[in-house]
PDB file of N, CA and C in Angstrom:
ATOM      1  N   MET A   1      67.361  10.880  21.163  1.00  0.00           N
ATOM      2  CA  MET A   1      67.770  12.147  21.713  1.00  0.00           C
ATOM      3  C   MET A   1      67.195  13.255  20.839  1.00  0.00           C
ATOM      4  N   ALA A   2      66.602  14.243  21.470  1.00  0.00           N
ATOM      5  CA  ALA A   2      66.041  15.370  20.744  1.00  0.00           C
ATOM      6  C   ALA A   2      67.130  16.363  20.387  1.00  0.00           C
ATOM      7  N   SER A   3      66.875  17.112  19.330  1.00  0.00           N
ATOM      8  CA  SER A   3      67.819  18.150  18.953  1.00  0.00           C
ATOM      9  C   SER A   3      67.051  19.379  18.505  1.00  0.00           C
ATOM     10  N   THR A   4      67.677  20.507  18.626  1.00  0.00           N
ATOM     11  CA  THR A   4      67.098  21.775  18.225  1.00  0.00           C
ATOM     12  C   THR A   4      68.111  22.514  17.364  1.00  0.00           C
ATOM     13  N   VAL A   5      67.650  23.079  16.261  1.00  0.00           N
ATOM     14  CA  VAL A   5      68.523  23.878  15.409  1.00  0.00           C
ATOM     15  C   VAL A   5      68.026  25.317  15.462  1.00  0.00           C
ATOM     16  N   PHE A   6      68.884  26.217  15.868  1.00  0.00           N
ATOM     17  CA  PHE A   6      68.536  27.623  15.932  1.00  0.00           C
ATOM     18  C   PHE A   6      68.685  28.256  14.551  1.00  0.00           C
ATOM     19  N   THR A   7      68.089  29.416  14.360  1.00  0.00           N
ATOM     20  CA  THR A   7      68.145  30.082  13.063  1.00  0.00           C
ATOM     21  C   THR A   7      69.566  30.421  12.642  1.00  0.00           C
ATOM     22  N   THR A   8      70.471  30.476  13.588  1.00  0.00           N
ATOM     23  CA  THR A   8      71.871  30.747  13.245  1.00  0.00           C
ATOM     24  C   THR A   8      72.573  29.497  12.735  1.00  0.00           C
ATOM     25  N   GLY A   9      71.881  28.345  12.783  1.00  0.00           N
ATOM     26  CA  GLY A   9      72.473  27.099  12.339  1.00  0.00           C
ATOM     27  C   GLY A   9      73.109  26.295  13.452  1.00  0.00           C
ATOM     28  N   THR A  10      73.101  26.827  14.662  1.00  0.00           N
ATOM     29  CA  THR A  10      73.678  26.124  15.795  1.00  0.00           C
ATOM     30  C   THR A  10      72.794  24.939  16.166  1.00  0.00           C
ATOM     31  N   LEU A  11      73.365  23.772  16.280  1.00  0.00           N
ATOM     32  CA  LEU A  11      72.640  22.563  16.634  1.00  0.00           C
ATOM     33  C   LEU A  11      72.919  22.213  18.087  1.00  0.00           C
ATOM     34  N   ILE A  12      71.868  21.982  18.851  1.00  0.00           N
ATOM     35  CA  ILE A  12      72.020  21.542  20.232  1.00  0.00           C
ATOM     36  C   ILE A  12      71.329  20.193  20.348  1.00  0.00           C
ATOM     37  N   GLU A  13      72.052  19.195  20.833  1.00  0.00           N
ATOM     38  CA  GLU A  13      71.474  17.877  21.082  1.00  0.00           C
ATOM     39  C   GLU A  13      71.614  17.574  22.568  1.00  0.00           C
ATOM     40  N   SER A  14      70.486  17.178  23.164  1.00  0.00           N
ATOM     41  CA  SER A  14      70.516  16.894  24.585  1.00  0.00           C
ATOM     42  C   SER A  14      69.304  16.053  24.976  1.00  0.00           C
ATOM     43  N   PRO A  15      69.506  15.076  25.854  1.00  0.00           N
ATOM     44  CA  PRO A  15      68.368  14.265  26.274  1.00  0.00           C
ATOM     45  C   PRO A  15      67.320  15.062  27.041  1.00  0.00           C
ATOM     46  N   TRP A  16      67.698  16.140  27.718  1.00  0.00           N
ATOM     47  CA  TRP A  16      66.712  16.905  28.476  1.00  0.00           C
ATOM     48  C   TRP A  16      65.731  17.632  27.567  1.00  0.00           C
ATOM     49  N   LEU A  17      66.091  17.826  26.270  1.00  0.00           N
ATOM     50  CA  LEU A  17      65.139  18.441  25.341  1.00  0.00           C
ATOM     51  C   LEU A  17      63.897  17.580  25.168  1.00  0.00           C
ATOM     52  N   ASN A  18      64.034  16.265  25.304  1.00  0.00           N
ATOM     53  CA  ASN A  18      62.867  15.390  25.233  1.00  0.00           C
ATOM     54  C   ASN A  18      61.854  15.773  26.299  1.00  0.00           C
ATOM     55  N   ASP A  19      62.322  15.975  27.533  1.00  0.00           N
ATOM     56  CA  ASP A  19      61.435  16.341  28.632  1.00  0.00           C
ATOM     57  C   ASP A  19      60.817  17.714  28.401  1.00  0.00           C
ATOM     58  N   VAL A  20      61.615  18.654  27.952  1.00  0.00           N
ATOM     59  CA  VAL A  20      61.112  20.010  27.706  1.00  0.00           C
ATOM     60  C   VAL A  20      60.060  19.989  26.594  1.00  0.00           C
ATOM     61  N   ASN A  21      60.369  19.343  25.481  1.00  0.00           N
ATOM     62  CA  ASN A  21      59.424  19.292  24.365  1.00  0.00           C
ATOM     63  C   ASN A  21      58.130  18.594  24.748  1.00  0.00           C
ATOM     64  N   THR A  22      58.215  17.518  25.510  1.00  0.00           N
ATOM     65  CA  THR A  22      57.016  16.812  25.942  1.00  0.00           C
ATOM     66  C   THR A  22      56.160  17.705  26.824  1.00  0.00           C
ATOM     67  N   TYR A  23      56.783  18.402  27.747  1.00  0.00           N
ATOM     68  CA  TYR A  23      56.027  19.263  28.659  1.00  0.00           C
ATOM     69  C   TYR A  23      55.426  20.467  27.935  1.00  0.00           C
ATOM     70  N   VAL A  24      56.181  21.093  27.081  1.00  0.00           N
ATOM     71  CA  VAL A  24      55.741  22.323  26.434  1.00  0.00           C
ATOM     72  C   VAL A  24      54.743  22.064  25.311  1.00  0.00           C
ATOM     73  N   TYR A  25      54.985  21.044  24.491  1.00  0.00           N
ATOM     74  CA  TYR A  25      54.200  20.875  23.277  1.00  0.00           C
ATOM     75  C   TYR A  25      53.138  19.777  23.325  1.00  0.00           C
ATOM     76  N   ALA A  26      53.277  18.823  24.190  1.00  0.00           N
ATOM     77  CA  ALA A  26      52.313  17.726  24.229  1.00  0.00           C
ATOM     78  C   ALA A  26      51.163  18.050  25.170  1.00  0.00           C
ATOM     79  N   PRO A  27      49.935  17.756  24.757  1.00  0.00           N
ATOM     80  CA  PRO A  27      48.808  17.989  25.663  1.00  0.00           C
ATOM     81  C   PRO A  27      48.911  17.069  26.875  1.00  0.00           C
ATOM     82  N   GLN A  28      48.501  17.564  28.016  1.00  0.00           N
ATOM     83  CA  GLN A  28      48.538  16.787  29.240  1.00  0.00           C
ATOM     84  C   GLN A  28      47.306  15.894  29.372  1.00  0.00           C
ATOM     85  N   GLN A  29      46.186  16.345  28.844  1.00  0.00           N
ATOM     86  CA  GLN A  29      44.931  15.606  28.922  1.00  0.00           C
ATOM     87  C   GLN A  29      44.321  15.527  27.527  1.00  0.00           C
ATOM     88  N   VAL A  30      43.798  14.364  27.166  1.00  0.00           N
ATOM     89  CA  VAL A  30      43.107  14.206  25.890  1.00  0.00           C
ATOM     90  C   VAL A  30      41.826  13.419  26.149  1.00  0.00           C
ATOM     91  N   PHE A  31      40.720  13.904  25.596  1.00  0.00           N
ATOM     92  CA  PHE A  31      39.432  13.234  25.734  1.00  0.00           C
ATOM     93  C   PHE A  31      38.789  13.160  24.362  1.00  0.00           C
ATOM     94  N   GLU A  32      38.412  11.955  23.957  1.00  0.00           N
ATOM     95  CA  GLU A  32      37.732  11.759  22.681  1.00  0.00           C
ATOM     96  C   GLU A  32      36.331  11.225  22.940  1.00  0.00           C
ATOM     97  N   THR A  33      35.382  11.708  22.167  1.00  0.00           N
ATOM     98  CA  THR A  33      34.006  11.257  22.301  1.00  0.00           C
ATOM     99  C   THR A  33      33.327  11.321  20.942  1.00  0.00           C
ATOM    100  N   THR A  34      32.140  10.777  20.858  1.00  0.00           N
ATOM    101  CA  THR A  34      31.361  10.803  19.628  1.00  0.00           C
ATOM    102  C   THR A  34      30.096  11.622  19.881  1.00  0.00           C
ATOM    103  N   ALA A  35      29.807  12.554  18.998  1.00  0.00           N
ATOM    104  CA  ALA A  35      28.653  13.435  19.160  1.00  0.00           C
ATOM    105  C   ALA A  35      27.349  12.668  18.938  1.00  0.00           C
ATOM    106  N   THR A  36      26.357  13.049  19.722  1.00  0.00           N
ATOM    107  CA  THR A  36      25.018  12.505  19.545  1.00  0.00           C
ATOM    108  C   THR A  36      24.180  13.514  18.768  1.00  0.00           C
ATOM    109  N   SER A  37      22.999  13.151  18.398  1.00  0.00           N
ATOM    110  CA  SER A  37      22.136  14.012  17.585  1.00  0.00           C
ATOM    111  C   SER A  37      21.858  15.350  18.272  1.00  0.00           C
ATOM    112  N   GLY A  38      22.218  16.441  17.594  1.00  0.00           N
ATOM    113  CA  GLY A  38      21.943  17.790  18.092  1.00  0.00           C
ATOM    114  C   GLY A  38      22.812  18.244  19.249  1.00  0.00           C
ATOM    115  N   GLN A  39      23.862  17.524  19.551  1.00  0.00           N
ATOM    116  CA  GLN A  39      24.693  17.845  20.716  1.00  0.00           C
ATOM    117  C   GLN A  39      25.528  19.103  20.496  1.00  0.00           C
ATOM    118  N   THR A  40      25.444  20.009  21.458  1.00  0.00           N
ATOM    119  CA  THR A  40      26.264  21.223  21.446  1.00  0.00           C
ATOM    120  C   THR A  40      27.125  21.329  22.701  1.00  0.00           C
ATOM    121  N   VAL A  41      26.725  20.684  23.784  1.00  0.00           N
ATOM    122  CA  VAL A  41      27.438  20.793  25.063  1.00  0.00           C
ATOM    123  C   VAL A  41      28.189  19.497  25.340  1.00  0.00           C
ATOM    124  N   PHE A  42      29.472  19.638  25.693  1.00  0.00           N
ATOM    125  CA  PHE A  42      30.315  18.487  26.008  1.00  0.00           C
ATOM    126  C   PHE A  42      30.938  18.695  27.379  1.00  0.00           C
ATOM    127  N   ASN A  43      30.764  17.719  28.242  1.00  0.00           N
ATOM    128  CA  ASN A  43      31.374  17.750  29.575  1.00  0.00           C
ATOM    129  C   ASN A  43      32.657  16.939  29.531  1.00  0.00           C
ATOM    130  N   LEU A  44      33.732  17.541  29.998  1.00  0.00           N
ATOM    131  CA  LEU A  44      35.042  16.908  29.940  1.00  0.00           C
ATOM    132  C   LEU A  44      35.392  16.249  31.270  1.00  0.00           C
ATOM    133  N   PRO A  45      36.166  15.172  31.233  1.00  0.00           N
ATOM    134  CA  PRO A  45      36.563  14.486  32.465  1.00  0.00           C
ATOM    135  C   PRO A  45      37.777  15.124  33.150  1.00  0.00           C
ATOM    136  N   PHE A  46      38.167  16.303  32.695  1.00  0.00           N
ATOM    137  CA  PHE A  46      39.283  17.027  33.296  1.00  0.00           C
ATOM    138  C   PHE A  46      38.953  18.516  33.300  1.00  0.00           C
ATOM    139  N   SER A  47      39.677  19.261  34.110  1.00  0.00           N
ATOM    140  CA  SER A  47      39.503  20.717  34.172  1.00  0.00           C
ATOM    141  C   SER A  47      40.563  21.393  33.326  1.00  0.00           C
ATOM    142  N   TYR A  48      40.223  22.551  32.794  1.00  0.00           N
ATOM    143  CA  TYR A  48      41.170  23.347  32.023  1.00  0.00           C
ATOM    144  C   TYR A  48      41.010  24.802  32.433  1.00  0.00           C
ATOM    145  N   ALA A  49      41.995  25.607  32.122  1.00  0.00           N
ATOM    146  CA  ALA A  49      41.958  27.030  32.470  1.00  0.00           C
ATOM    147  C   ALA A  49      41.157  27.777  31.404  1.00  0.00           C
ATOM    148  N   VAL A  50      39.976  28.217  31.756  1.00  0.00           N
ATOM    149  CA  VAL A  50      39.088  28.908  30.822  1.00  0.00           C
ATOM    150  C   VAL A  50      39.731  30.204  30.332  1.00  0.00           C
ATOM    151  N   GLY A  51      39.634  30.454  29.025  1.00  0.00           N
ATOM    152  CA  GLY A  51      40.102  31.703  28.445  1.00  0.00           C
ATOM    153  C   GLY A  51      41.586  31.781  28.139  1.00  0.00           C
ATOM    154  N   THR A  52      42.335  30.732  28.396  1.00  0.00           N
ATOM    155  CA  THR A  52      43.779  30.770  28.144  1.00  0.00           C
ATOM    156  C   THR A  52      44.141  30.291  26.744  1.00  0.00           C
ATOM    157  N   LYS A  53      43.170  29.794  26.012  1.00  0.00           N
ATOM    158  CA  LYS A  53      43.354  29.258  24.656  1.00  0.00           C
ATOM    159  C   LYS A  53      44.306  28.070  24.638  1.00  0.00           C
ATOM    160  N   ARG A  54      44.424  27.372  25.757  1.00  0.00           N
ATOM    161  CA  ARG A  54      45.260  26.165  25.793  1.00  0.00           C
ATOM    162  C   ARG A  54      44.461  24.920  25.461  1.00  0.00           C
ATOM    163  N   LEU A  55      43.139  25.003  25.513  1.00  0.00           N
ATOM    164  CA  LEU A  55      42.303  23.875  25.130  1.00  0.00           C
ATOM    165  C   LEU A  55      42.243  23.834  23.605  1.00  0.00           C
ATOM    166  N   ILE A  56      42.530  22.669  23.026  1.00  0.00           N
ATOM    167  CA  ILE A  56      42.491  22.509  21.583  1.00  0.00           C
ATOM    168  C   ILE A  56      41.351  21.549  21.265  1.00  0.00           C
ATOM    169  N   VAL A  57      40.509  21.937  20.320  1.00  0.00           N
ATOM    170  CA  VAL A  57      39.311  21.160  20.010  1.00  0.00           C
ATOM    171  C   VAL A  57      39.318  20.781  18.532  1.00  0.00           C
ATOM    172  N   TYR A  58      39.025  19.502  18.255  1.00  0.00           N
ATOM    173  CA  TYR A  58      38.953  18.989  16.887  1.00  0.00           C
ATOM    174  C   TYR A  58      37.608  18.296  16.676  1.00  0.00           C
ATOM    175  N   ILE A  59      37.050  18.458  15.492  1.00  0.00           N
ATOM    176  CA  ILE A  59      35.896  17.674  15.066  1.00  0.00           C
ATOM    177  C   ILE A  59      36.331  16.928  13.815  1.00  0.00           C
ATOM    178  N   ASN A  60      36.280  15.596  13.885  1.00  0.00           N
ATOM    179  CA  ASN A  60      36.735  14.742  12.782  1.00  0.00           C
ATOM    180  C   ASN A  60      38.122  15.143  12.282  1.00  0.00           C
ATOM    181  N   GLY A  61      39.010  15.492  13.212  1.00  0.00           N
ATOM    182  CA  GLY A  61      40.384  15.829  12.868  1.00  0.00           C
ATOM    183  C   GLY A  61      40.620  17.258  12.428  1.00  0.00           C
ATOM    184  N   VAL A  62      39.563  18.062  12.347  1.00  0.00           N
ATOM    185  CA  VAL A  62      39.701  19.457  11.927  1.00  0.00           C
ATOM    186  C   VAL A  62      39.686  20.355  13.166  1.00  0.00           C
ATOM    187  N   LYS A  63      40.758  21.123  13.332  1.00  0.00           N
ATOM    188  CA  LYS A  63      40.865  22.007  14.489  1.00  0.00           C
ATOM    189  C   LYS A  63      39.777  23.066  14.431  1.00  0.00           C
ATOM    190  N   GLN A  64      39.136  23.296  15.578  1.00  0.00           N
ATOM    191  CA  GLN A  64      38.055  24.267  15.659  1.00  0.00           C
ATOM    192  C   GLN A  64      38.568  25.602  16.192  1.00  0.00           C
ATOM    193  N   SER A  65      37.906  26.661  15.805  1.00  0.00           N
ATOM    194  CA  SER A  65      38.315  28.009  16.182  1.00  0.00           C
ATOM    195  C   SER A  65      37.612  28.454  17.458  1.00  0.00           C
ATOM    196  N   PHE A  66      38.424  28.866  18.441  1.00  0.00           N
ATOM    197  CA  PHE A  66      37.888  29.361  19.708  1.00  0.00           C
ATOM    198  C   PHE A  66      37.006  30.579  19.458  1.00  0.00           C
ATOM    199  N   THR A  67      35.895  30.652  20.067  1.00  0.00           N
ATOM    200  CA  THR A  67      34.829  31.661  20.025  1.00  0.00           C
ATOM    201  C   THR A  67      33.949  31.582  18.783  1.00  0.00           C
ATOM    202  N   SER A  68      34.492  31.295  17.598  1.00  0.00           N
ATOM    203  CA  SER A  68      33.604  31.206  16.442  1.00  0.00           C
ATOM    204  C   SER A  68      32.986  29.813  16.319  1.00  0.00           C
ATOM    205  N   SER A  69      33.685  28.774  16.793  1.00  0.00           N
ATOM    206  CA  SER A  69      33.151  27.410  16.736  1.00  0.00           C
ATOM    207  C   SER A  69      32.634  26.929  18.088  1.00  0.00           C
ATOM    208  N   TYR A  70      33.280  27.379  19.147  1.00  0.00           N
ATOM    209  CA  TYR A  70      32.906  26.920  20.488  1.00  0.00           C
ATOM    210  C   TYR A  70      33.289  27.963  21.526  1.00  0.00           C
ATOM    211  N   THR A  71      32.691  27.827  22.702  1.00  0.00           N
ATOM    212  CA  THR A  71      33.061  28.665  23.838  1.00  0.00           C
ATOM    213  C   THR A  71      33.409  27.761  25.008  1.00  0.00           C
ATOM    214  N   GLU A  72      34.254  28.249  25.864  1.00  0.00           N
ATOM    215  CA  GLU A  72      34.624  27.535  27.075  1.00  0.00           C
ATOM    216  C   GLU A  72      33.658  27.979  28.164  1.00  0.00           C
ATOM    217  N   THR A  73      32.645  27.159  28.400  1.00  0.00           N
ATOM    218  CA  THR A  73      31.560  27.517  29.310  1.00  0.00           C
ATOM    219  C   THR A  73      32.031  27.612  30.752  1.00  0.00           C
ATOM    220  N   ASN A  74      32.771  26.624  31.197  1.00  0.00           N
ATOM    221  CA  ASN A  74      33.359  26.601  32.539  1.00  0.00           C
ATOM    222  C   ASN A  74      34.553  25.644  32.487  1.00  0.00           C
ATOM    223  N   PRO A  75      35.266  25.420  33.591  1.00  0.00           N
ATOM    224  CA  PRO A  75      36.479  24.600  33.532  1.00  0.00           C
ATOM    225  C   PRO A  75      36.310  23.140  33.103  1.00  0.00           C
ATOM    226  N   THR A  76      35.083  22.667  32.955  1.00  0.00           N
ATOM    227  CA  THR A  76      34.890  21.282  32.525  1.00  0.00           C
ATOM    228  C   THR A  76      33.858  21.148  31.403  1.00  0.00           C
ATOM    229  N   THR A  77      33.417  22.269  30.830  1.00  0.00           N
ATOM    230  CA  THR A  77      32.362  22.220  29.819  1.00  0.00           C
ATOM    231  C   THR A  77      32.700  23.089  28.620  1.00  0.00           C
ATOM    232  N   VAL A  78      32.446  22.544  27.421  1.00  0.00           N
ATOM    233  CA  VAL A  78      32.613  23.274  26.165  1.00  0.00           C
ATOM    234  C   VAL A  78      31.261  23.286  25.465  1.00  0.00           C
ATOM    235  N   THR A  79      30.884  24.464  24.948  1.00  0.00           N
ATOM    236  CA  THR A  79      29.623  24.590  24.220  1.00  0.00           C
ATOM    237  C   THR A  79      29.912  25.051  22.802  1.00  0.00           C
ATOM    238  N   PHE A  80      29.459  24.280  21.824  1.00  0.00           N
ATOM    239  CA  PHE A  80      29.645  24.629  20.414  1.00  0.00           C
ATOM    240  C   PHE A  80      28.560  25.598  19.980  1.00  0.00           C
ATOM    241  N   THR A  81      28.888  26.462  19.029  1.00  0.00           N
ATOM    242  CA  THR A  81      27.930  27.458  18.539  1.00  0.00           C
ATOM    243  C   THR A  81      26.859  26.824  17.664  1.00  0.00           C
ATOM    244  N   ALA A  82      27.136  25.655  17.108  1.00  0.00           N
ATOM    245  CA  ALA A  82      26.160  24.905  16.302  1.00  0.00           C
ATOM    246  C   ALA A  82      26.278  23.435  16.677  1.00  0.00           C
ATOM    247  N   ALA A  83      25.228  22.695  16.436  1.00  0.00           N
ATOM    248  CA  ALA A  83      25.244  21.272  16.755  1.00  0.00           C
ATOM    249  C   ALA A  83      26.359  20.563  15.990  1.00  0.00           C
ATOM    250  N   VAL A  84      27.068  19.720  16.697  1.00  0.00           N
ATOM    251  CA  VAL A  84      28.122  18.915  16.077  1.00  0.00           C
ATOM    252  C   VAL A  84      27.436  17.787  15.306  1.00  0.00           C
ATOM    253  N   PRO A  85      27.884  17.485  14.090  1.00  0.00           N
ATOM    254  CA  PRO A  85      27.240  16.414  13.316  1.00  0.00           C
ATOM    255  C   PRO A  85      27.200  15.093  14.095  1.00  0.00           C
ATOM    256  N   VAL A  86      26.065  14.431  14.019  1.00  0.00           N
ATOM    257  CA  VAL A  86      25.893  13.164  14.722  1.00  0.00           C
ATOM    258  C   VAL A  86      26.965  12.168  14.275  1.00  0.00           C
ATOM    259  N   THR A  87      27.511  11.434  15.203  1.00  0.00           N
ATOM    260  CA  THR A  87      28.591  10.452  15.069  1.00  0.00           C
ATOM    261  C   THR A  87      29.957  11.065  14.759  1.00  0.00           C
ATOM    262  N   ALA A  88      30.071  12.386  14.772  1.00  0.00           N
ATOM    263  CA  ALA A  88      31.377  13.021  14.548  1.00  0.00           C
ATOM    264  C   ALA A  88      32.289  12.726  15.733  1.00  0.00           C
ATOM    265  N   LYS A  89      33.564  12.502  15.434  1.00  0.00           N
ATOM    266  CA  LYS A  89      34.561  12.293  16.481  1.00  0.00           C
ATOM    267  C   LYS A  89      35.008  13.671  16.980  1.00  0.00           C
ATOM    268  N   VAL A  90      34.862  13.905  18.285  1.00  0.00           N
ATOM    269  CA  VAL A  90      35.229  15.178  18.883  1.00  0.00           C
ATOM    270  C   VAL A  90      36.368  14.915  19.866  1.00  0.00           C
ATOM    271  N   GLU A  91      37.443  15.682  19.711  1.00  0.00           N
ATOM    272  CA  GLU A  91      38.621  15.496  20.569  1.00  0.00           C
ATOM    273  C   GLU A  91      38.945  16.811  21.257  1.00  0.00           C
ATOM    274  N   PHE A  92      39.226  16.696  22.558  1.00  0.00           N
ATOM    275  CA  PHE A  92      39.611  17.841  23.374  1.00  0.00           C
ATOM    276  C   PHE A  92      40.993  17.541  23.949  1.00  0.00           C
ATOM    277  N   ALA A  93      41.924  18.449  23.762  1.00  0.00           N
ATOM    278  CA  ALA A  93      43.288  18.268  24.276  1.00  0.00           C
ATOM    279  C   ALA A  93      43.681  19.499  25.085  1.00  0.00           C
ATOM    280  N   TYR A  94      44.281  19.240  26.248  1.00  0.00           N
ATOM    281  CA  TYR A  94      44.706  20.340  27.114  1.00  0.00           C
ATOM    282  C   TYR A  94      46.052  20.015  27.692  1.00  0.00           C
TER     283      TYR A  94
END
C-alpha cells in the first residue's frame, strides 16, 4: 500500500495511491537501443507529444538536457546535437 506524507506531517495511506503514482510518475513507454557509429537520429517505436518536455532521454544512464543535447524532431524522432558515442545505451521514456 502506498502512502503519502504531507509537509504538515499528515500521513495518508490508501491503495488507490498506487494507481495514481504509477500513472503520474511512471513512464508509459520505454525504448532502449544502442547507438551506432556517428548516429544522431533515433526513430522511436511510439509517438510522444513534441515540446511538452515529457520525453526523458538518457545516454548510458545520464539524463540528457532538452534542446542542448537533443531536439524533438517530430512525434517519433529525436535528433541529438552531437553524435552519440558508438555502443552507448540510449533510453527514451515517455
